[in-house]
PDB file of N, CA and C in Angstrom:
ATOM      1  N   MET A   1     -12.419  -6.814   1.468  1.00  0.00           N
ATOM      2  CA  MET A   1     -11.937  -5.933   0.442  1.00  0.00           C
ATOM      3  C   MET A   1     -10.662  -5.248   0.939  1.00  0.00           C
ATOM      4  N   PRO A   2      -9.556  -5.408   0.210  1.00  0.00           N
ATOM      5  CA  PRO A   2      -8.297  -4.799   0.635  1.00  0.00           C
ATOM      6  C   PRO A   2      -8.366  -3.278   0.608  1.00  0.00           C
ATOM      7  N   LYS A   3      -7.741  -2.648   1.594  1.00  0.00           N
ATOM      8  CA  LYS A   3      -7.716  -1.195   1.621  1.00  0.00           C
ATOM      9  C   LYS A   3      -6.382  -0.695   2.159  1.00  0.00           C
ATOM     10  N   CYS A   4      -6.081   0.524   1.829  1.00  0.00           N
ATOM     11  CA  CYS A   4      -4.866   1.186   2.305  1.00  0.00           C
ATOM     12  C   CYS A   4      -5.043   1.517   3.785  1.00  0.00           C
ATOM     13  N   GLN A   5      -4.097   1.149   4.592  1.00  0.00           N
ATOM     14  CA  GLN A   5      -4.163   1.427   6.030  1.00  0.00           C
ATOM     15  C   GLN A   5      -3.906   2.901   6.336  1.00  0.00           C
ATOM     16  N   ASN A   6      -3.323   3.621   5.381  1.00  0.00           N
ATOM     17  CA  ASN A   6      -3.016   5.032   5.587  1.00  0.00           C
ATOM     18  C   ASN A   6      -4.220   5.926   5.306  1.00  0.00           C
ATOM     19  N   CYS A   7      -4.875   5.729   4.145  1.00  0.00           N
ATOM     20  CA  CYS A   7      -5.964   6.635   3.760  1.00  0.00           C
ATOM     21  C   CYS A   7      -7.317   5.951   3.615  1.00  0.00           C
ATOM     22  N   GLY A   8      -7.347   4.626   3.637  1.00  0.00           N
ATOM     23  CA  GLY A   8      -8.599   3.894   3.542  1.00  0.00           C
ATOM     24  C   GLY A   8      -9.090   3.635   2.128  1.00  0.00           C
ATOM     25  N   ALA A   9      -8.315   4.033   1.131  1.00  0.00           N
ATOM     26  CA  ALA A   9      -8.714   3.812  -0.263  1.00  0.00           C
ATOM     27  C   ALA A   9      -8.662   2.327  -0.608  1.00  0.00           C
ATOM     28  N   HIS A  10      -9.527   1.913  -1.528  1.00  0.00           N
ATOM     29  CA  HIS A  10      -9.546   0.532  -1.989  1.00  0.00           C
ATOM     30  C   HIS A  10      -8.281   0.244  -2.787  1.00  0.00           C
ATOM     31  N   VAL A  11      -7.684  -0.901  -2.557  1.00  0.00           N
ATOM     32  CA  VAL A  11      -6.573  -1.395  -3.369  1.00  0.00           C
ATOM     33  C   VAL A  11      -6.935  -2.806  -3.833  1.00  0.00           C
ATOM     34  N   THR A  12      -6.394  -3.197  -4.955  1.00  0.00           N
ATOM     35  CA  THR A  12      -6.693  -4.530  -5.472  1.00  0.00           C
ATOM     36  C   THR A  12      -5.893  -5.582  -4.700  1.00  0.00           C
ATOM     37  N   ALA A  13      -6.346  -6.804  -4.798  1.00  0.00           N
ATOM     38  CA  ALA A  13      -5.629  -7.909  -4.158  1.00  0.00           C
ATOM     39  C   ALA A  13      -4.226  -8.037  -4.751  1.00  0.00           C
ATOM     40  N   ARG A  14      -4.112  -7.810  -6.041  1.00  0.00           N
ATOM     41  CA  ARG A  14      -2.796  -7.872  -6.691  1.00  0.00           C
ATOM     42  C   ARG A  14      -1.873  -6.777  -6.154  1.00  0.00           C
ATOM     43  N   TYR A  15      -2.377  -5.565  -5.997  1.00  0.00           N
ATOM     44  CA  TYR A  15      -1.591  -4.460  -5.445  1.00  0.00           C
ATOM     45  C   TYR A  15      -1.121  -4.819  -4.035  1.00  0.00           C
ATOM     46  N   ARG A  16      -2.028  -5.359  -3.250  1.00  0.00           N
ATOM     47  CA  ARG A  16      -1.681  -5.749  -1.872  1.00  0.00           C
ATOM     48  C   ARG A  16      -0.594  -6.817  -1.859  1.00  0.00           C
ATOM     49  N   ARG A  17      -0.692  -7.779  -2.770  1.00  0.00           N
ATOM     50  CA  ARG A  17       0.297  -8.855  -2.839  1.00  0.00           C
ATOM     51  C   ARG A  17       1.671  -8.315  -3.243  1.00  0.00           C
ATOM     52  N   VAL A  18       1.700  -7.366  -4.174  1.00  0.00           N
ATOM     53  CA  VAL A  18       2.962  -6.843  -4.689  1.00  0.00           C
ATOM     54  C   VAL A  18       3.565  -5.799  -3.756  1.00  0.00           C
ATOM     55  N   PHE A  19       2.751  -4.855  -3.265  1.00  0.00           N
ATOM     56  CA  PHE A  19       3.274  -3.716  -2.514  1.00  0.00           C
ATOM     57  C   PHE A  19       2.993  -3.761  -1.016  1.00  0.00           C
ATOM     58  N   GLY A  20       2.288  -4.783  -0.554  1.00  0.00           N
ATOM     59  CA  GLY A  20       1.974  -4.881   0.862  1.00  0.00           C
ATOM     60  C   GLY A  20       3.116  -5.462   1.684  1.00  0.00           C
ATOM     61  N   ASP A  21       2.938  -5.410   2.999  1.00  0.00           N
ATOM     62  CA  ASP A  21       3.954  -5.975   3.880  1.00  0.00           C
ATOM     63  C   ASP A  21       3.781  -7.490   3.988  1.00  0.00           C
ATOM     64  N   ASN A  22       4.532  -8.130   4.855  1.00  0.00           N
ATOM     65  CA  ASN A  22       4.473  -9.591   4.992  1.00  0.00           C
ATOM     66  C   ASN A  22       3.140 -10.091   5.536  1.00  0.00           C
ATOM     67  N   ASN A  23       2.361  -9.197   6.129  1.00  0.00           N
ATOM     68  CA  ASN A  23       1.037  -9.565   6.642  1.00  0.00           C
ATOM     69  C   ASN A  23      -0.066  -9.248   5.647  1.00  0.00           C
ATOM     70  N   GLY A  24       0.303  -8.760   4.458  1.00  0.00           N
ATOM     71  CA  GLY A  24      -0.687  -8.430   3.437  1.00  0.00           C
ATOM     72  C   GLY A  24      -1.347  -7.086   3.629  1.00  0.00           C
ATOM     73  N   GLU A  25      -0.787  -6.242   4.475  1.00  0.00           N
ATOM     74  CA  GLU A  25      -1.347  -4.913   4.691  1.00  0.00           C
ATOM     75  C   GLU A  25      -0.589  -3.892   3.851  1.00  0.00           C
ATOM     76  N   VAL A  26      -1.326  -2.917   3.322  1.00  0.00           N
ATOM     77  CA  VAL A  26      -0.743  -1.847   2.518  1.00  0.00           C
ATOM     78  C   VAL A  26      -0.806  -0.571   3.339  1.00  0.00           C
ATOM     79  N   HIS A  27       0.333   0.086   3.525  1.00  0.00           N
ATOM     80  CA  HIS A  27       0.408   1.298   4.338  1.00  0.00           C
ATOM     81  C   HIS A  27       0.563   2.551   3.489  1.00  0.00           C
ATOM     82  N   GLY A  28       0.263   2.443   2.203  1.00  0.00           N
ATOM     83  CA  GLY A  28       0.298   3.572   1.290  1.00  0.00           C
ATOM     84  C   GLY A  28      -0.126   3.127  -0.096  1.00  0.00           C
ATOM     85  N   CYS A  29      -0.829   3.991  -0.806  1.00  0.00           N
ATOM     86  CA  CYS A  29      -1.308   3.661  -2.141  1.00  0.00           C
ATOM     87  C   CYS A  29      -1.134   4.864  -3.056  1.00  0.00           C
ATOM     88  N   ARG A  30      -1.596   4.735  -4.282  1.00  0.00           N
ATOM     89  CA  ARG A  30      -1.454   5.821  -5.253  1.00  0.00           C
ATOM     90  C   ARG A  30      -2.270   7.042  -4.874  1.00  0.00           C
ATOM     91  N   GLU A  31      -3.226   6.882  -3.995  1.00  0.00           N
ATOM     92  CA  GLU A  31      -4.032   8.016  -3.544  1.00  0.00           C
ATOM     93  C   GLU A  31      -3.278   8.886  -2.530  1.00  0.00           C
ATOM     94  N   CYS A  32      -2.383   8.281  -1.769  1.00  0.00           N
ATOM     95  CA  CYS A  32      -1.744   9.034  -0.687  1.00  0.00           C
ATOM     96  C   CYS A  32      -0.218   9.044  -0.735  1.00  0.00           C
ATOM     97  N   MET A  33       0.380   8.381  -1.738  1.00  0.00           N
ATOM     98  CA  MET A  33       1.844   8.344  -1.879  1.00  0.00           C
ATOM     99  C   MET A  33       2.227   8.550  -3.326  1.00  0.00           C
ATOM    100  N   SER A  34       3.432   9.031  -3.512  1.00  0.00           N
ATOM    101  CA  SER A  34       3.941   9.145  -4.879  1.00  0.00           C
ATOM    102  C   SER A  34       4.350   7.763  -5.380  1.00  0.00           C
ATOM    103  N   THR A  35       4.373   7.615  -6.690  1.00  0.00           N
ATOM    104  CA  THR A  35       4.775   6.352  -7.293  1.00  0.00           C
ATOM    105  C   THR A  35       6.199   5.981  -6.884  1.00  0.00           C
ATOM    106  N   THR A  36       7.065   6.968  -6.802  1.00  0.00           N
ATOM    107  CA  THR A  36       8.455   6.726  -6.394  1.00  0.00           C
ATOM    108  C   THR A  36       8.520   6.140  -4.991  1.00  0.00           C
ATOM    109  N   ASP A  37       7.750   6.691  -4.062  1.00  0.00           N
ATOM    110  CA  ASP A  37       7.734   6.161  -2.694  1.00  0.00           C
ATOM    111  C   ASP A  37       7.229   4.727  -2.658  1.00  0.00           C
ATOM    112  N   ILE A  38       6.200   4.430  -3.439  1.00  0.00           N
ATOM    113  CA  ILE A  38       5.653   3.072  -3.469  1.00  0.00           C
ATOM    114  C   ILE A  38       6.690   2.097  -4.014  1.00  0.00           C
ATOM    115  N   ILE A  39       7.329   2.455  -5.123  1.00  0.00           N
ATOM    116  CA  ILE A  39       8.347   1.593  -5.729  1.00  0.00           C
ATOM    117  C   ILE A  39       9.514   1.375  -4.780  1.00  0.00           C
ATOM    118  N   ASN A  40       9.856   2.388  -3.994  1.00  0.00           N
ATOM    119  CA  ASN A  40      10.974   2.276  -3.053  1.00  0.00           C
ATOM    120  C   ASN A  40      10.587   1.549  -1.767  1.00  0.00           C
ATOM    121  N   GLY A  41       9.367   1.033  -1.668  1.00  0.00           N
ATOM    122  CA  GLY A  41       8.983   0.191  -0.540  1.00  0.00           C
ATOM    123  C   GLY A  41       8.302   0.888   0.610  1.00  0.00           C
ATOM    124  N   LYS A  42       7.974   2.146   0.483  1.00  0.00           N
ATOM    125  CA  LYS A  42       7.376   2.862   1.610  1.00  0.00           C
ATOM    126  C   LYS A  42       5.936   2.438   1.892  1.00  0.00           C
ATOM    127  N   ALA A  43       5.284   1.766   0.929  1.00  0.00           N
ATOM    128  CA  ALA A  43       3.916   1.290   1.146  1.00  0.00           C
ATOM    129  C   ALA A  43       3.894   0.107   2.124  1.00  0.00           C
ATOM    130  N   THR A  44       5.047  -0.473   2.403  1.00  0.00           N
ATOM    131  CA  THR A  44       5.109  -1.592   3.348  1.00  0.00           C
ATOM    132  C   THR A  44       5.392  -1.127   4.768  1.00  0.00           C
ATOM    133  N   GLN A  45       5.657   0.154   4.932  1.00  0.00           N
ATOM    134  CA  GLN A  45       6.036   0.686   6.232  1.00  0.00           C
ATOM    135  C   GLN A  45       4.881   1.429   6.878  1.00  0.00           C
ATOM    136  N   ASP A  46       4.629   1.112   8.131  1.00  0.00           N
ATOM    137  CA  ASP A  46       3.603   1.813   8.888  1.00  0.00           C
ATOM    138  C   ASP A  46       4.092   3.231   9.168  1.00  0.00           C
ATOM    139  N   SER A  47       3.234   4.224   8.885  1.00  0.00           N
ATOM    140  CA  SER A  47       3.675   5.617   9.063  1.00  0.00           C
ATOM    141  C   SER A  47       3.641   6.112  10.456  1.00  0.00           C
TER     142      SER A  47
END
């Protein structure tokens, strides 16, 4: 089950594919980041 590496919240496989890094990991989600940060690519960056 995919999860956010930052807060541990569940994310969908589609979210991981779209907003995750090249390894399929998500470092931020809607639970712990603003939508603007996610759109600007911050969910792909390890904090």
